[in-house]
């Protein structure tokens, strides 16, 4: 008889756990987002969120997307993994003063245009939520991803092949320290791409450099920025160098940056109307990217009479100088 209460408690605990998983597995996990359609340099359509990050749209089966440059849309997401948005529904957001006019053929009677949403498989959703919950957390947050990689590294062969005292490890850490000396404030994903390292490999060597006091890191939203010991860690984040990744700039943003970079000294800056005519796009889209570039610290804007002068900041000039392929040579 003594086993009955214990069995009942275990059964109740299991039932509550299954109930929670069932709730999490239902379509209610979808999240609403607003984003703007942009076209990147290779001609790929991407969605830019409110923080200026680009995401690759991945529609559910039966859902058709209609990209339009500069169009603001509302999204219902079922997954958001490593820059990929799995979209279950999309609608057009009502036009505002700062947005380009919509195509008449794409407008509906209301400001929200719903697209068909196929029925979601309960079993597939249940399995995805159960087995990918940790990946959902880690993929969007660099500090969490670094902690998971560090925990896995305790049992990794990398500690033997590229550990402290090994020639290969010393070489990789020298590369990292030299790169951060030239690019202070580069975030984890940018370091991995620039040096062609694995996620766990980069975290392993960066942690070693941190323990040795040669580098340190600072969290910046979802990013983890690294600096060498030559940079004072007591400085406020807003005063630290925070380079912008050129891969996060859309094709129109790069063309706007080019127009500012190539303007002649002593000549007035082009107006939004002139810049839009030169780039063959709308004034609203040019204004959007000018504000975005200014908030990213790449340009400065100063009002002079009826015109606004734009100029590259030091960070903007550094970014423009590092662009390998000029915008003019892109198709």
C-alpha atoms as a PDB file:
ATOM      1  CA  UNK A   1       0.000   0.000   0.000  1.00  0.00           C
ATOM      2  CA  UNK A   2       2.954   2.318   0.662  1.00  0.00           C
ATOM      3  CA  UNK A   3       3.795   2.336  -3.029  1.00  0.00           C
ATOM      4  CA  UNK A   4       0.410   3.676  -4.123  1.00  0.00           C
ATOM      5  CA  UNK A   5       0.957   7.338  -3.062  1.00  0.00           C
ATOM      6  CA  UNK A   6       4.440   7.367  -4.624  1.00  0.00           C
ATOM      7  CA  UNK A   7       3.088   5.892  -7.841  1.00  0.00           C
ATOM      8  CA  UNK A   8       0.275   8.432  -7.867  1.00  0.00           C
ATOM      9  CA  UNK A   9       2.734  11.297  -7.426  1.00  0.00           C
ATOM     10  CA  UNK A  10       4.916  10.026 -10.264  1.00  0.00           C
ATOM     11  CA  UNK A  11       1.865   9.632 -12.491  1.00  0.00           C
ATOM     12  CA  UNK A  12       0.681  13.148 -11.651  1.00  0.00           C
ATOM     13  CA  UNK A  13       4.137  14.604 -12.368  1.00  0.00           C
ATOM     14  CA  UNK A  14       4.296  12.800 -15.704  1.00  0.00           C
ATOM     15  CA  UNK A  15       0.805  14.010 -16.582  1.00  0.00           C
ATOM     16  CA  UNK A  16       1.670  17.640 -15.820  1.00  0.00           C
ATOM     17  CA  UNK A  17       4.878  17.372 -17.866  1.00  0.00           C
ATOM     18  CA  UNK A  18       3.027  15.941 -20.852  1.00  0.00           C
ATOM     19  CA  UNK A  19       0.345  18.611 -20.539  1.00  0.00           C
ATOM     20  CA  UNK A  20       2.980  21.365 -20.636  1.00  0.00           C
ATOM     21  CA  UNK A  21       4.610  19.810 -23.709  1.00  0.00           C
ATOM     22  CA  UNK A  22       1.220  19.537 -25.427  1.00  0.00           C
ATOM     23  CA  UNK A  23       0.539  23.227 -24.731  1.00  0.00           C
ATOM     24  CA  UNK A  24       3.959  24.204 -26.057  1.00  0.00           C
ATOM     25  CA  UNK A  25       3.469  22.037 -29.129  1.00  0.00           C
ATOM     26  CA  UNK A  26       0.272  23.726 -30.240  1.00  0.00           C
ATOM     27  CA  UNK A  27       0.326  26.455 -32.904  1.00  0.00           C
ATOM     28  CA  UNK A  28       0.099  29.080 -30.160  1.00  0.00           C
ATOM     29  CA  UNK A  29       3.911  29.137 -30.070  1.00  0.00           C
ATOM     30  CA  UNK A  30       3.842  31.325 -33.156  1.00  0.00           C
ATOM     31  CA  UNK A  31       5.008  34.910 -32.603  1.00  0.00           C
ATOM     32  CA  UNK A  32       3.943  38.067 -34.451  1.00  0.00           C
ATOM     33  CA  UNK A  33       6.682  40.229 -35.966  1.00  0.00           C
ATOM     34  CA  UNK A  34       6.923  43.248 -38.247  1.00  0.00           C
ATOM     35  CA  UNK A  35       9.652  43.445 -40.871  1.00  0.00           C
ATOM     36  CA  UNK A  36      10.597  45.202 -44.102  1.00  0.00           C
ATOM     37  CA  UNK A  37      11.355  43.463 -47.391  1.00  0.00           C
ATOM     38  CA  UNK A  38      14.904  44.242 -48.586  1.00  0.00           C
ATOM     39  CA  UNK A  39      17.010  42.856 -51.397  1.00  0.00           C
ATOM     40  CA  UNK A  40      20.620  42.011 -50.533  1.00  0.00           C
ATOM     41  CA  UNK A  41      23.664  42.429 -52.761  1.00  0.00           C
ATOM     42  CA  UNK A  42      23.439  38.948 -54.366  1.00  0.00           C
ATOM     43  CA  UNK A  43      19.782  39.678 -55.223  1.00  0.00           C
ATOM     44  CA  UNK A  44      18.321  37.569 -52.404  1.00  0.00           C
ATOM     45  CA  UNK A  45      15.081  38.726 -50.751  1.00  0.00           C
ATOM     46  CA  UNK A  46      15.445  39.079 -46.963  1.00  0.00           C
ATOM     47  CA  UNK A  47      13.343  40.465 -44.110  1.00  0.00           C
ATOM     48  CA  UNK A  48      14.834  43.235 -41.942  1.00  0.00           C
ATOM     49  CA  UNK A  49      13.528  43.373 -38.357  1.00  0.00           C
ATOM     50  CA  UNK A  50      13.242  46.417 -36.072  1.00  0.00           C
ATOM     51  CA  UNK A  51      16.857  45.944 -34.911  1.00  0.00           C
ATOM     52  CA  UNK A  52      18.242  46.013 -38.446  1.00  0.00           C
ATOM     53  CA  UNK A  53      19.014  42.278 -38.569  1.00  0.00           C
ATOM     54  CA  UNK A  54      18.319  40.336 -41.754  1.00  0.00           C
ATOM     55  CA  UNK A  55      16.432  37.042 -41.773  1.00  0.00           C
ATOM     56  CA  UNK A  56      15.882  34.537 -44.562  1.00  0.00           C
ATOM     57  CA  UNK A  57      12.138  33.897 -45.065  1.00  0.00           C
ATOM     58  CA  UNK A  58      11.070  30.242 -45.116  1.00  0.00           C
ATOM     59  CA  UNK A  59       7.315  29.900 -45.829  1.00  0.00           C
ATOM     60  CA  UNK A  60       5.287  26.935 -44.637  1.00  0.00           C
ATOM     61  CA  UNK A  61       3.917  24.559 -47.269  1.00  0.00           C
ATOM     62  CA  UNK A  62       1.082  26.210 -49.187  1.00  0.00           C
ATOM     63  CA  UNK A  63       2.101  29.785 -48.266  1.00  0.00           C
ATOM     64  CA  UNK A  64       3.218  32.091 -51.091  1.00  0.00           C
ATOM     65  CA  UNK A  65       5.255  35.259 -50.434  1.00  0.00           C
ATOM     66  CA  UNK A  66       5.181  38.427 -52.548  1.00  0.00           C
ATOM     67  CA  UNK A  67       8.370  40.442 -51.863  1.00  0.00           C
ATOM     68  CA  UNK A  68       8.246  44.182 -52.533  1.00  0.00           C
ATOM     69  CA  UNK A  69      11.244  46.446 -51.860  1.00  0.00           C
ATOM     70  CA  UNK A  70      10.640  48.599 -48.775  1.00  0.00           C
ATOM     71  CA  UNK A  71       7.226  47.060 -47.996  1.00  0.00           C
ATOM     72  CA  UNK A  72       6.441  46.614 -44.282  1.00  0.00           C
ATOM     73  CA  UNK A  73       4.687  43.329 -43.529  1.00  0.00           C
ATOM     74  CA  UNK A  74       3.390  41.554 -40.463  1.00  0.00           C
ATOM     75  CA  UNK A  75       4.484  37.980 -39.869  1.00  0.00           C
ATOM     76  CA  UNK A  76       3.385  35.026 -37.814  1.00  0.00           C
ATOM     77  CA  UNK A  77       6.380  32.803 -37.086  1.00  0.00           C
ATOM     78  CA  UNK A  78       6.567  29.202 -35.967  1.00  0.00           C
ATOM     79  CA  UNK A  79      10.376  29.033 -35.798  1.00  0.00           C
ATOM     80  CA  UNK A  80      13.292  31.471 -35.746  1.00  0.00           C
ATOM     81  CA  UNK A  81      16.598  29.650 -36.055  1.00  0.00           C
ATOM     82  CA  UNK A  82      20.014  31.201 -36.874  1.00  0.00           C
ATOM     83  CA  UNK A  83      18.697  33.965 -39.133  1.00  0.00           C
ATOM     84  CA  UNK A  84      15.929  31.857 -40.734  1.00  0.00           C
ATOM     85  CA  UNK A  85      12.282  32.750 -40.105  1.00  0.00           C
ATOM     86  CA  UNK A  86       9.730  29.998 -40.665  1.00  0.00           C
ATOM     87  CA  UNK A  87       6.591  31.908 -41.673  1.00  0.00           C
ATOM     88  CA  UNK A  88       3.092  30.539 -41.170  1.00  0.00           C
ATOM     89  CA  UNK A  89       1.205  33.712 -42.132  1.00  0.00           C
ATOM     90  CA  UNK A  90       1.937  37.114 -43.669  1.00  0.00           C
ATOM     91  CA  UNK A  91      -0.074  40.300 -44.102  1.00  0.00           C
ATOM     92  CA  UNK A  92       0.549  43.818 -45.353  1.00  0.00           C
ATOM     93  CA  UNK A  93       0.764  46.501 -42.667  1.00  0.00           C
ATOM     94  CA  UNK A  94      -1.292  49.646 -43.206  1.00  0.00           C
ATOM     95  CA  UNK A  95       0.587  52.349 -45.084  1.00  0.00           C
ATOM     96  CA  UNK A  96       2.112  55.204 -43.075  1.00  0.00           C
ATOM     97  CA  UNK A  97       3.824  58.438 -44.058  1.00  0.00           C
ATOM     98  CA  UNK A  98       7.257  56.849 -43.979  1.00  0.00           C
ATOM     99  CA  UNK A  99       6.460  53.903 -46.240  1.00  0.00           C
ATOM    100  CA  UNK A 100       6.330  53.627 -50.043  1.00  0.00           C
ATOM    101  CA  UNK A 101       2.900  53.299 -51.634  1.00  0.00           C
ATOM    102  CA  UNK A 102       1.608  49.811 -52.088  1.00  0.00           C
ATOM    103  CA  UNK A 103       0.752  48.257 -55.430  1.00  0.00           C
ATOM    104  CA  UNK A 104      -3.001  48.497 -56.023  1.00  0.00           C
ATOM    105  CA  UNK A 105      -3.175  44.841 -56.990  1.00  0.00           C
ATOM    106  CA  UNK A 106      -1.778  43.793 -53.635  1.00  0.00           C
ATOM    107  CA  UNK A 107      -4.192  45.781 -51.439  1.00  0.00           C
ATOM    108  CA  UNK A 108      -7.258  44.240 -49.893  1.00  0.00           C
ATOM    109  CA  UNK A 109     -10.350  45.808 -48.363  1.00  0.00           C
ATOM    110  CA  UNK A 110      -8.657  45.963 -44.968  1.00  0.00           C
ATOM    111  CA  UNK A 111      -5.092  46.934 -44.078  1.00  0.00           C
ATOM    112  CA  UNK A 112      -4.284  43.328 -43.285  1.00  0.00           C
ATOM    113  CA  UNK A 113      -4.185  40.761 -46.047  1.00  0.00           C
ATOM    114  CA  UNK A 114      -4.316  37.204 -44.758  1.00  0.00           C
ATOM    115  CA  UNK A 115      -2.777  34.352 -46.682  1.00  0.00           C
ATOM    116  CA  UNK A 116      -3.874  30.758 -46.410  1.00  0.00           C
ATOM    117  CA  UNK A 117      -2.420  28.772 -43.511  1.00  0.00           C
ATOM    118  CA  UNK A 118      -2.349  24.998 -43.861  1.00  0.00           C
ATOM    119  CA  UNK A 119      -3.105  22.812 -40.878  1.00  0.00           C
ATOM    120  CA  UNK A 120      -0.021  22.130 -38.778  1.00  0.00           C
ATOM    121  CA  UNK A 121       0.889  18.583 -37.988  1.00  0.00           C
ATOM    122  CA  UNK A 122       0.522  18.059 -34.246  1.00  0.00           C
ATOM    123  CA  UNK A 123       3.069  15.243 -34.189  1.00  0.00           C
ATOM    124  CA  UNK A 124       5.748  17.176 -36.076  1.00  0.00           C
ATOM    125  CA  UNK A 125       5.232  20.262 -33.921  1.00  0.00           C
ATOM    126  CA  UNK A 126       5.401  18.180 -30.741  1.00  0.00           C
ATOM    127  CA  UNK A 127       8.679  16.579 -31.830  1.00  0.00           C
ATOM    128  CA  UNK A 128      10.167  19.917 -32.942  1.00  0.00           C
ATOM    129  CA  UNK A 129       9.345  21.644 -29.652  1.00  0.00           C
ATOM    130  CA  UNK A 130      10.642  18.726 -27.596  1.00  0.00           C
ATOM    131  CA  UNK A 131      13.973  18.191 -29.357  1.00  0.00           C
ATOM    132  CA  UNK A 132      14.848  21.705 -30.586  1.00  0.00           C
ATOM    133  CA  UNK A 133      13.978  23.849 -27.563  1.00  0.00           C
ATOM    134  CA  UNK A 134      17.631  24.314 -26.589  1.00  0.00           C
ATOM    135  CA  UNK A 135      18.599  25.100 -30.172  1.00  0.00           C
ATOM    136  CA  UNK A 136      15.910  27.798 -30.362  1.00  0.00           C
ATOM    137  CA  UNK A 137      17.391  29.528 -27.328  1.00  0.00           C
ATOM    138  CA  UNK A 138      21.040  29.168 -28.275  1.00  0.00           C
ATOM    139  CA  UNK A 139      20.860  30.010 -31.985  1.00  0.00           C
ATOM    140  CA  UNK A 140      19.545  33.579 -31.472  1.00  0.00           C
ATOM    141  CA  UNK A 141      21.741  34.488 -28.525  1.00  0.00           C
ATOM    142  CA  UNK A 142      25.543  34.473 -28.868  1.00  0.00           C
ATOM    143  CA  UNK A 143      26.304  34.389 -25.096  1.00  0.00           C
ATOM    144  CA  UNK A 144      24.062  31.333 -24.636  1.00  0.00           C
ATOM    145  CA  UNK A 145      25.619  29.673 -27.671  1.00  0.00           C
ATOM    146  CA  UNK A 146      29.082  30.331 -26.251  1.00  0.00           C
ATOM    147  CA  UNK A 147      28.161  28.801 -22.884  1.00  0.00           C
ATOM    148  CA  UNK A 148      26.796  25.643 -24.528  1.00  0.00           C
ATOM    149  CA  UNK A 149      29.913  25.325 -26.703  1.00  0.00           C
ATOM    150  CA  UNK A 150      32.131  25.814 -23.664  1.00  0.00           C
ATOM    151  CA  UNK A 151      30.274  23.106 -21.723  1.00  0.00           C
ATOM    152  CA  UNK A 152      30.582  20.680 -24.640  1.00  0.00           C
ATOM    153  CA  UNK A 153      34.278  21.533 -24.944  1.00  0.00           C
ATOM    154  CA  UNK A 154      35.130  19.872 -21.645  1.00  0.00           C
ATOM    155  CA  UNK A 155      34.791  16.521 -23.366  1.00  0.00           C
ATOM    156  CA  UNK A 156      36.080  17.575 -26.801  1.00  0.00           C
ATOM    157  CA  UNK A 157      39.122  16.294 -28.661  1.00  0.00           C
ATOM    158  CA  UNK A 158      39.897  19.947 -29.397  1.00  0.00           C
ATOM    159  CA  UNK A 159      41.352  20.312 -25.889  1.00  0.00           C
ATOM    160  CA  UNK A 160      44.005  17.796 -26.929  1.00  0.00           C
ATOM    161  CA  UNK A 161      44.730  18.891 -30.519  1.00  0.00           C
ATOM    162  CA  UNK A 162      44.514  22.682 -29.998  1.00  0.00           C
ATOM    163  CA  UNK A 163      44.764  22.989 -26.219  1.00  0.00           C
ATOM    164  CA  UNK A 164      47.104  25.144 -24.154  1.00  0.00           C
ATOM    165  CA  UNK A 165      50.738  24.522 -25.075  1.00  0.00           C
ATOM    166  CA  UNK A 166      50.045  22.995 -28.492  1.00  0.00           C
ATOM    167  CA  UNK A 167      51.458  24.567 -31.659  1.00  0.00           C
ATOM    168  CA  UNK A 168      48.080  24.514 -33.424  1.00  0.00           C
ATOM    169  CA  UNK A 169      46.352  26.137 -30.453  1.00  0.00           C
ATOM    170  CA  UNK A 170      48.981  28.877 -30.173  1.00  0.00           C
ATOM    171  CA  UNK A 171      48.624  29.593 -33.895  1.00  0.00           C
ATOM    172  CA  UNK A 172      44.814  29.906 -33.779  1.00  0.00           C
ATOM    173  CA  UNK A 173      44.882  32.119 -30.684  1.00  0.00           C
ATOM    174  CA  UNK A 174      47.478  34.329 -32.375  1.00  0.00           C
ATOM    175  CA  UNK A 175      45.133  34.707 -35.349  1.00  0.00           C
ATOM    176  CA  UNK A 176      42.257  35.636 -33.052  1.00  0.00           C
ATOM    177  CA  UNK A 177      44.259  38.184 -31.075  1.00  0.00           C
ATOM    178  CA  UNK A 178      45.627  39.788 -34.242  1.00  0.00           C
ATOM    179  CA  UNK A 179      42.162  39.972 -35.795  1.00  0.00           C
ATOM    180  CA  UNK A 180      40.663  41.600 -32.681  1.00  0.00           C
ATOM    181  CA  UNK A 181      43.536  44.091 -32.581  1.00  0.00           C
ATOM    182  CA  UNK A 182      42.595  45.190 -36.107  1.00  0.00           C
ATOM    183  CA  UNK A 183      38.820  44.834 -35.575  1.00  0.00           C
ATOM    184  CA  UNK A 184      38.003  45.626 -31.920  1.00  0.00           C
ATOM    185  CA  UNK A 185      34.400  44.917 -30.991  1.00  0.00           C
ATOM    186  CA  UNK A 186      33.770  42.303 -33.672  1.00  0.00           C
ATOM    187  CA  UNK A 187      31.020  39.938 -32.550  1.00  0.00           C
ATOM    188  CA  UNK A 188      31.286  36.168 -32.270  1.00  0.00           C
ATOM    189  CA  UNK A 189      29.554  35.313 -35.554  1.00  0.00           C
ATOM    190  CA  UNK A 190      31.679  37.863 -37.430  1.00  0.00           C
ATOM    191  CA  UNK A 191      34.875  36.374 -35.980  1.00  0.00           C
ATOM    192  CA  UNK A 192      33.793  32.878 -37.005  1.00  0.00           C
ATOM    193  CA  UNK A 193      33.051  33.991 -40.591  1.00  0.00           C
ATOM    194  CA  UNK A 194      36.188  36.124 -40.976  1.00  0.00           C
ATOM    195  CA  UNK A 195      38.631  33.480 -39.707  1.00  0.00           C
ATOM    196  CA  UNK A 196      36.715  30.467 -41.057  1.00  0.00           C
ATOM    197  CA  UNK A 197      36.518  28.799 -37.639  1.00  0.00           C
ATOM    198  CA  UNK A 198      33.979  26.425 -36.178  1.00  0.00           C
ATOM    199  CA  UNK A 199      31.639  27.758 -33.494  1.00  0.00           C
ATOM    200  CA  UNK A 200      33.090  25.505 -30.776  1.00  0.00           C
ATOM    201  CA  UNK A 201      36.641  26.088 -32.022  1.00  0.00           C
ATOM    202  CA  UNK A 202      36.303  29.881 -31.797  1.00  0.00           C
ATOM    203  CA  UNK A 203      34.682  29.771 -28.343  1.00  0.00           C
ATOM    204  CA  UNK A 204      37.380  27.386 -27.057  1.00  0.00           C
ATOM    205  CA  UNK A 205      40.256  29.684 -28.058  1.00  0.00           C
ATOM    206  CA  UNK A 206      38.481  32.895 -27.022  1.00  0.00           C
ATOM    207  CA  UNK A 207      37.837  31.446 -23.561  1.00  0.00           C
ATOM    208  CA  UNK A 208      41.517  30.504 -23.310  1.00  0.00           C
ATOM    209  CA  UNK A 209      42.530  34.051 -24.242  1.00  0.00           C
ATOM    210  CA  UNK A 210      40.073  35.405 -21.658  1.00  0.00           C
ATOM    211  CA  UNK A 211      41.565  33.246 -18.906  1.00  0.00           C
ATOM    212  CA  UNK A 212      45.019  34.520 -19.867  1.00  0.00           C
ATOM    213  CA  UNK A 213      43.782  38.129 -19.678  1.00  0.00           C
ATOM    214  CA  UNK A 214      44.551  38.844 -23.333  1.00  0.00           C
ATOM    215  CA  UNK A 215      40.955  39.460 -24.469  1.00  0.00           C
ATOM    216  CA  UNK A 216      37.616  40.261 -22.839  1.00  0.00           C
ATOM    217  CA  UNK A 217      34.031  40.355 -24.057  1.00  0.00           C
ATOM    218  CA  UNK A 218      30.929  42.483 -23.552  1.00  0.00           C
ATOM    219  CA  UNK A 219      27.321  41.553 -24.265  1.00  0.00           C
ATOM    220  CA  UNK A 220      25.550  43.839 -26.765  1.00  0.00           C
ATOM    221  CA  UNK A 221      21.924  42.719 -27.049  1.00  0.00           C
ATOM    222  CA  UNK A 222      22.032  39.281 -28.677  1.00  0.00           C
ATOM    223  CA  UNK A 223      25.662  39.766 -29.713  1.00  0.00           C
ATOM    224  CA  UNK A 224      28.880  39.026 -27.832  1.00  0.00           C
ATOM    225  CA  UNK A 225      31.598  41.540 -28.730  1.00  0.00           C
ATOM    226  CA  UNK A 226      35.295  40.864 -28.085  1.00  0.00           C
ATOM    227  CA  UNK A 227      38.167  43.267 -27.378  1.00  0.00           C
ATOM    228  CA  UNK A 228      41.873  42.860 -26.644  1.00  0.00           C
ATOM    229  CA  UNK A 229      43.413  43.894 -23.327  1.00  0.00           C
ATOM    230  CA  UNK A 230      44.556  47.125 -25.015  1.00  0.00           C
ATOM    231  CA  UNK A 231      40.939  48.363 -24.782  1.00  0.00           C
ATOM    232  CA  UNK A 232      39.846  49.517 -21.323  1.00  0.00           C
ATOM    233  CA  UNK A 233      37.039  47.192 -20.097  1.00  0.00           C
ATOM    234  CA  UNK A 234      35.715  49.935 -17.774  1.00  0.00           C
ATOM    235  CA  UNK A 235      34.533  52.027 -20.734  1.00  0.00           C
ATOM    236  CA  UNK A 236      30.764  52.231 -21.313  1.00  0.00           C
ATOM    237  CA  UNK A 237      29.413  50.081 -24.137  1.00  0.00           C
ATOM    238  CA  UNK A 238      28.167  53.153 -26.019  1.00  0.00           C
ATOM    239  CA  UNK A 239      31.756  54.467 -26.167  1.00  0.00           C
ATOM    240  CA  UNK A 240      33.322  51.184 -27.296  1.00  0.00           C
ATOM    241  CA  UNK A 241      33.936  50.406 -30.979  1.00  0.00           C
ATOM    242  CA  UNK A 242      31.057  48.312 -32.310  1.00  0.00           C
ATOM    243  CA  UNK A 243      31.727  47.583 -35.990  1.00  0.00           C
ATOM    244  CA  UNK A 244      28.804  46.898 -38.283  1.00  0.00           C
ATOM    245  CA  UNK A 245      28.958  43.744 -40.380  1.00  0.00           C
ATOM    246  CA  UNK A 246      28.687  44.597 -44.081  1.00  0.00           C
ATOM    247  CA  UNK A 247      26.783  41.338 -44.591  1.00  0.00           C
ATOM    248  CA  UNK A 248      23.926  42.831 -42.549  1.00  0.00           C
ATOM    249  CA  UNK A 249      23.490  45.792 -44.931  1.00  0.00           C
ATOM    250  CA  UNK A 250      21.024  45.507 -47.781  1.00  0.00           C
ATOM    251  CA  UNK A 251      21.873  46.396 -51.363  1.00  0.00           C
ATOM    252  CA  UNK A 252      20.016  49.728 -51.149  1.00  0.00           C
ATOM    253  CA  UNK A 253      21.810  50.601 -47.885  1.00  0.00           C
ATOM    254  CA  UNK A 254      25.165  49.952 -49.565  1.00  0.00           C
ATOM    255  CA  UNK A 255      24.208  52.161 -52.512  1.00  0.00           C
ATOM    256  CA  UNK A 256      23.159  54.959 -50.137  1.00  0.00           C
ATOM    257  CA  UNK A 257      26.473  54.544 -48.312  1.00  0.00           C
ATOM    258  CA  UNK A 258      28.284  54.728 -51.642  1.00  0.00           C
ATOM    259  CA  UNK A 259      26.475  57.944 -52.643  1.00  0.00           C
ATOM    260  CA  UNK A 260      27.662  59.585 -49.431  1.00  0.00           C
ATOM    261  CA  UNK A 261      31.185  58.153 -49.657  1.00  0.00           C
ATOM    262  CA  UNK A 262      31.723  59.331 -53.245  1.00  0.00           C
ATOM    263  CA  UNK A 263      30.302  62.851 -52.931  1.00  0.00           C
ATOM    264  CA  UNK A 264      32.857  65.518 -53.848  1.00  0.00           C
ATOM    265  CA  UNK A 265      34.448  67.677 -51.157  1.00  0.00           C
ATOM    266  CA  UNK A 266      32.900  71.110 -50.868  1.00  0.00           C
ATOM    267  CA  UNK A 267      29.780  70.100 -52.785  1.00  0.00           C
ATOM    268  CA  UNK A 268      26.396  70.000 -50.994  1.00  0.00           C
ATOM    269  CA  UNK A 269      25.065  66.577 -50.151  1.00  0.00           C
ATOM    270  CA  UNK A 270      22.317  65.267 -52.434  1.00  0.00           C
ATOM    271  CA  UNK A 271      18.772  65.526 -51.114  1.00  0.00           C
ATOM    272  CA  UNK A 272      16.646  62.451 -50.517  1.00  0.00           C
ATOM    273  CA  UNK A 273      14.787  63.221 -53.763  1.00  0.00           C
ATOM    274  CA  UNK A 274      18.046  63.443 -55.746  1.00  0.00           C
ATOM    275  CA  UNK A 275      19.439  60.316 -54.116  1.00  0.00           C
ATOM    276  CA  UNK A 276      16.215  58.392 -54.776  1.00  0.00           C
ATOM    277  CA  UNK A 277      16.235  59.445 -58.446  1.00  0.00           C
ATOM    278  CA  UNK A 278      19.877  58.410 -58.815  1.00  0.00           C
ATOM    279  CA  UNK A 279      19.273  55.021 -57.180  1.00  0.00           C
ATOM    280  CA  UNK A 280      15.917  54.557 -58.957  1.00  0.00           C
ATOM    281  CA  UNK A 281      14.042  53.897 -55.734  1.00  0.00           C
ATOM    282  CA  UNK A 282      11.575  55.734 -53.472  1.00  0.00           C
ATOM    283  CA  UNK A 283      12.344  58.670 -51.172  1.00  0.00           C
ATOM    284  CA  UNK A 284      10.762  56.775 -48.270  1.00  0.00           C
ATOM    285  CA  UNK A 285      13.163  53.855 -48.696  1.00  0.00           C
ATOM    286  CA  UNK A 286      16.166  56.185 -48.938  1.00  0.00           C
ATOM    287  CA  UNK A 287      15.020  57.996 -45.788  1.00  0.00           C
ATOM    288  CA  UNK A 288      14.619  54.675 -43.968  1.00  0.00           C
ATOM    289  CA  UNK A 289      18.183  53.624 -44.779  1.00  0.00           C
ATOM    290  CA  UNK A 290      19.620  57.053 -43.926  1.00  0.00           C
ATOM    291  CA  UNK A 291      18.086  56.835 -40.452  1.00  0.00           C
ATOM    292  CA  UNK A 292      19.315  53.250 -40.083  1.00  0.00           C
ATOM    293  CA  UNK A 293      22.871  54.126 -41.144  1.00  0.00           C
ATOM    294  CA  UNK A 294      22.890  57.076 -38.736  1.00  0.00           C
ATOM    295  CA  UNK A 295      21.687  54.922 -35.814  1.00  0.00           C
ATOM    296  CA  UNK A 296      24.425  52.389 -36.647  1.00  0.00           C
ATOM    297  CA  UNK A 297      27.057  55.110 -36.370  1.00  0.00           C
ATOM    298  CA  UNK A 298      28.092  54.915 -40.036  1.00  0.00           C
ATOM    299  CA  UNK A 299      27.010  58.417 -41.109  1.00  0.00           C
ATOM    300  CA  UNK A 300      26.269  61.814 -39.576  1.00  0.00           C
ATOM    301  CA  UNK A 301      23.522  64.150 -40.738  1.00  0.00           C
ATOM    302  CA  UNK A 302      23.478  67.906 -40.104  1.00  0.00           C
ATOM    303  CA  UNK A 303      20.762  70.340 -41.173  1.00  0.00           C
ATOM    304  CA  UNK A 304      21.986  73.341 -43.177  1.00  0.00           C
ATOM    305  CA  UNK A 305      19.161  75.604 -44.310  1.00  0.00           C
ATOM    306  CA  UNK A 306      16.884  73.652 -46.615  1.00  0.00           C
ATOM    307  CA  UNK A 307      19.375  70.825 -47.122  1.00  0.00           C
ATOM    308  CA  UNK A 308      20.833  68.122 -44.903  1.00  0.00           C
ATOM    309  CA  UNK A 309      24.542  67.365 -45.154  1.00  0.00           C
ATOM    310  CA  UNK A 310      25.544  63.709 -44.823  1.00  0.00           C
ATOM    311  CA  UNK A 311      29.054  62.443 -44.161  1.00  0.00           C
ATOM    312  CA  UNK A 312      30.694  59.149 -43.248  1.00  0.00           C
ATOM    313  CA  UNK A 313      31.901  58.668 -39.694  1.00  0.00           C
ATOM    314  CA  UNK A 314      35.249  57.011 -38.978  1.00  0.00           C
ATOM    315  CA  UNK A 315      33.433  53.690 -38.608  1.00  0.00           C
ATOM    316  CA  UNK A 316      31.600  54.318 -41.884  1.00  0.00           C
ATOM    317  CA  UNK A 317      34.876  55.032 -43.699  1.00  0.00           C
ATOM    318  CA  UNK A 318      36.420  51.888 -42.203  1.00  0.00           C
ATOM    319  CA  UNK A 319      33.479  49.776 -43.329  1.00  0.00           C
ATOM    320  CA  UNK A 320      33.489  51.269 -46.818  1.00  0.00           C
ATOM    321  CA  UNK A 321      37.236  50.658 -47.154  1.00  0.00           C
ATOM    322  CA  UNK A 322      36.829  46.987 -46.224  1.00  0.00           C
ATOM    323  CA  UNK A 323      34.246  46.263 -48.912  1.00  0.00           C
ATOM    324  CA  UNK A 324      36.039  43.950 -51.323  1.00  0.00           C
ATOM    325  CA  UNK A 325      33.584  44.186 -54.209  1.00  0.00           C
ATOM    326  CA  UNK A 326      32.498  47.728 -55.147  1.00  0.00           C
ATOM    327  CA  UNK A 327      28.763  48.211 -55.456  1.00  0.00           C
ATOM    328  CA  UNK A 328      29.172  49.452 -59.040  1.00  0.00           C
ATOM    329  CA  UNK A 329      30.376  46.018 -60.185  1.00  0.00           C
ATOM    330  CA  UNK A 330      27.400  44.155 -58.768  1.00  0.00           C
ATOM    331  CA  UNK A 331      24.645  43.051 -61.135  1.00  0.00           C
END
